[in-house]
Amino acid sequence: MGLLDGVLGAVLGGGNNAGGGQQDLMSSVIGGLLQQSGGVGGLLDTLRKGGLGQHADSWQGTGENMPVDAGDLMKVLGGMGGQAQQGDAGGGLGGLLGQVLGGAAPGAGGAGNLGDLLAKSGVGQDQLGGLLAKVLPSVLDGMTPGGQVPQAHSNDMLQGVLGNVLKGALGGGNKGGGLFG
């Protein structure tokens, strides 16, 4: 996971800030989603195939970003074989998000996977969906300058976009305290 490790180290530094564990989590999850889906284009395609085509198009385009419902996003990214289970809060996540989180439910063992980070950060699956719904549109928008999907994105590009989005959305001095305030 070299790309992910590089992004985490550069974006988050020492993690001294309030909510650092949650920022680590969001950086890890988004970086992992990009990595597992084959990049920005692959993640946008996954969203389109999952029924979020208008959303993905707006995030890639140059206009306003269409908001997304956290539940809808989790159905696409974390559904079991593309089918989300409505009341499945206790079971593990499937789909792309399950691959990113190590295929294990938070706290279910697994040495050092992102599922462990999810458990340590105190973020449940429902809250993760809400956080992704707030952050992912801006990340994908930032990763598609001028509405164009890059053929390949560099660590520097991903690091810059994630850093800007997370600092703004996750409480980088905003009066509202960001997502965790």
Protein backbone atom coordinates (compact mmCIF):
# COMPACT_ATOMS: atom_id res chain seq x y z
CA MET A 1 0.00 0.00 0.00
CA GLY A 2 2.79 2.45 -0.84
CA LEU A 3 0.49 5.10 -2.30
CA LEU A 4 -1.72 5.05 0.77
CA ASP A 5 1.20 5.15 3.21
CA GLY A 6 2.73 8.13 1.40
CA VAL A 7 -0.55 10.03 1.41
CA LEU A 8 -1.16 9.42 5.10
CA GLY A 9 2.30 10.46 6.15
CA ALA A 10 2.35 13.67 4.13
CA VAL A 11 -1.24 14.81 4.67
CA LEU A 12 -1.50 14.11 8.35
CA GLY A 13 1.99 14.63 9.67
CA GLY A 14 1.99 13.60 13.30
CA GLY A 15 -1.77 13.55 13.80
CA ASN A 16 -1.51 16.04 16.70
CA ASN A 17 -4.76 17.80 15.85
CA ALA A 18 -8.13 17.09 17.41
CA GLY A 19 -9.90 14.34 15.52
CA GLY A 20 -6.59 13.13 14.09
CA GLY A 21 -7.70 9.50 14.28
CA GLN A 22 -10.81 10.32 12.30
CA GLN A 23 -8.77 12.27 9.77
CA ASP A 24 -6.45 9.26 9.49
CA LEU A 25 -9.49 7.11 8.89
CA MET A 26 -10.94 9.33 6.15
CA SER A 27 -7.58 9.64 4.40
CA SER A 28 -7.08 5.89 4.59
CA VAL A 29 -10.56 5.01 3.39
CA ILE A 30 -10.60 7.45 0.48
CA GLY A 31 -7.06 6.57 -0.55
CA GLY A 32 -7.98 2.89 -0.33
CA LEU A 33 -11.15 3.37 -2.39
CA LEU A 34 -9.11 5.05 -5.12
CA GLN A 35 -6.45 2.37 -4.99
CA GLN A 36 -8.87 -0.60 -4.97
CA SER A 37 -11.00 0.81 -7.80
CA GLY A 38 -8.04 1.55 -10.06
CA GLY A 39 -7.97 5.30 -9.62
CA VAL A 40 -10.34 8.22 -10.01
CA GLY A 41 -11.95 6.93 -13.21
CA GLY A 42 -12.53 3.50 -11.70
CA LEU A 43 -14.17 4.92 -8.58
CA LEU A 44 -16.41 7.19 -10.66
CA ASP A 45 -17.38 4.19 -12.81
CA THR A 46 -18.21 2.17 -9.68
CA LEU A 47 -20.49 4.96 -8.49
CA ARG A 48 -22.16 5.23 -11.90
CA LYS A 49 -22.75 1.48 -12.12
CA GLY A 50 -24.20 1.54 -8.61
CA GLY A 51 -26.90 4.04 -9.52
CA LEU A 52 -25.14 7.27 -8.55
CA GLY A 53 -24.40 8.38 -12.11
CA GLN A 54 -25.83 11.89 -11.77
CA HIS A 55 -23.84 12.38 -8.58
CA ALA A 56 -20.60 11.10 -10.10
CA ASP A 57 -21.13 13.28 -13.18
CA SER A 58 -21.62 16.37 -11.03
CA TRP A 59 -18.52 15.62 -8.97
CA GLN A 60 -16.44 15.14 -12.11
CA GLY A 61 -17.96 18.17 -13.85
CA THR A 62 -17.15 21.80 -13.32
CA GLY A 63 -20.48 22.88 -11.80
CA GLU A 64 -22.00 22.38 -8.36
CA ASN A 65 -21.40 19.07 -6.62
CA MET A 66 -24.67 17.21 -6.11
CA PRO A 67 -25.04 16.06 -2.50
CA VAL A 68 -25.37 12.34 -1.89
CA ASP A 69 -27.30 10.45 0.75
CA ALA A 70 -24.97 8.55 3.07
CA GLY A 71 -27.12 5.42 2.86
CA ASP A 72 -27.09 5.44 -0.93
CA LEU A 73 -23.32 5.88 -0.98
CA MET A 74 -22.82 3.03 1.48
CA LYS A 75 -25.08 0.76 -0.61
CA VAL A 76 -22.82 1.33 -3.61
CA LEU A 77 -19.47 1.20 -1.82
CA GLY A 78 -20.21 -1.22 0.97
CA GLY A 79 -23.02 -3.39 -0.30
CA MET A 80 -22.71 -7.14 -0.04
CA GLY A 81 -22.27 -8.14 -3.65
CA GLY A 82 -23.94 -4.92 -4.75
CA GLN A 83 -26.97 -5.57 -2.53
CA ALA A 84 -27.06 -3.57 0.67
CA GLN A 85 -28.78 -4.99 3.68
CA GLN A 86 -30.85 -2.25 5.32
CA GLY A 87 -30.39 -3.31 8.93
CA ASP A 88 -26.86 -4.67 8.59
CA ALA A 89 -25.13 -2.43 11.12
CA GLY A 90 -23.38 -5.25 12.95
CA GLY A 91 -22.18 -7.36 10.04
CA GLY A 92 -19.09 -6.61 8.02
CA LEU A 93 -19.07 -4.45 4.95
CA GLY A 94 -18.84 -6.04 1.55
CA GLY A 95 -18.10 -4.54 -1.83
CA LEU A 96 -15.32 -2.08 -2.48
CA LEU A 97 -15.43 -0.61 1.02
CA GLY A 98 -15.16 -4.09 2.54
CA GLN A 99 -12.00 -4.68 0.50
CA VAL A 100 -10.55 -1.37 1.69
CA LEU A 101 -11.35 -2.10 5.33
CA GLY A 102 -9.74 -5.51 5.12
CA GLY A 103 -12.96 -7.44 4.72
CA ALA A 104 -13.50 -7.60 8.47
CA ALA A 105 -16.03 -5.96 10.70
CA PRO A 106 -14.46 -3.30 12.94
CA GLY A 107 -12.81 -4.89 15.94
CA ALA A 108 -12.96 -8.40 14.45
CA GLY A 109 -9.28 -9.14 14.69
CA GLY A 110 -7.07 -8.68 11.64
CA ALA A 111 -3.67 -7.21 12.36
CA GLY A 112 -3.38 -3.55 11.46
CA ASN A 113 -6.06 -3.31 8.78
CA LEU A 114 -8.28 -0.30 8.16
CA GLY A 115 -11.09 -2.04 10.02
CA ASP A 116 -8.95 -1.72 13.13
CA LEU A 117 -8.47 1.98 12.41
CA LEU A 118 -12.25 2.30 12.06
CA ALA A 119 -12.70 0.72 15.49
CA LYS A 120 -9.93 2.78 17.12
CA SER A 121 -11.29 6.05 15.75
CA GLY A 122 -14.69 5.38 17.31
CA VAL A 123 -16.47 5.79 13.96
CA GLY A 124 -19.28 3.34 13.28
CA GLN A 125 -20.38 2.22 9.83
CA ASP A 126 -23.33 4.63 9.84
CA GLN A 127 -21.10 7.57 10.73
CA LEU A 128 -18.53 6.48 8.15
CA GLY A 129 -21.21 6.75 5.46
CA GLY A 130 -22.05 10.27 6.58
CA LEU A 131 -18.41 11.32 6.58
CA LEU A 132 -17.82 9.85 3.13
CA ALA A 133 -20.94 11.59 1.83
CA LYS A 134 -19.51 14.92 2.98
CA VAL A 135 -15.91 14.44 1.88
CA LEU A 136 -15.88 12.16 -1.20
CA PRO A 137 -17.68 14.58 -3.58
CA SER A 138 -15.07 17.29 -2.93
CA VAL A 139 -12.18 14.84 -3.27
CA LEU A 140 -13.43 13.51 -6.61
CA ASP A 141 -14.15 17.06 -7.77
CA GLY A 142 -10.61 18.10 -6.87
CA MET A 143 -9.15 15.04 -8.57
CA THR A 144 -10.88 15.89 -11.87
CA PRO A 145 -9.64 19.38 -12.74
CA GLY A 146 -11.62 20.95 -15.55
CA GLY A 147 -13.96 17.96 -15.48
CA GLN A 148 -11.29 15.67 -16.90
CA VAL A 149 -10.40 12.34 -15.31
CA PRO A 150 -6.62 12.08 -15.12
CA GLN A 151 -5.09 9.08 -16.89
CA ALA A 152 -3.05 8.53 -13.76
CA HIS A 153 -2.93 10.55 -10.60
CA SER A 154 0.24 11.18 -8.69
CA ASN A 155 0.79 10.86 -4.98
CA ASP A 156 1.26 14.62 -4.93
CA MET A 157 -2.12 15.26 -6.56
CA LEU A 158 -3.96 12.92 -4.22
CA GLN A 159 -2.06 14.27 -1.22
CA GLY A 160 -2.87 17.88 -2.13
CA VAL A 161 -6.57 17.29 -2.75
CA LEU A 162 -7.05 15.12 0.34
CA GLY A 163 -5.13 17.59 2.46
CA ASN A 164 -7.22 20.56 1.34
CA VAL A 165 -10.55 18.75 1.61
CA LEU A 166 -9.83 17.15 4.97
CA LYS A 167 -8.44 20.31 6.53
CA GLY A 168 -11.54 22.22 5.43
CA ALA A 169 -14.13 19.54 6.12
CA LEU A 170 -12.69 17.95 9.22
CA GLY A 171 -12.24 21.03 11.34
CA GLY A 172 -9.17 22.92 10.20
CA GLY A 173 -10.12 25.96 12.27
CA ASN A 174 -13.63 26.43 10.89
CA LYS A 175 -16.06 28.06 13.30
CA GLY A 176 -18.41 25.08 13.02
CA GLY A 177 -15.68 22.65 14.03
CA GLY A 178 -15.87 20.66 10.80
CA LEU A 179 -17.36 17.21 10.63
CA PHE A 180 -16.30 16.21 14.11
CA GLY A 181 -17.05 19.43 15.99
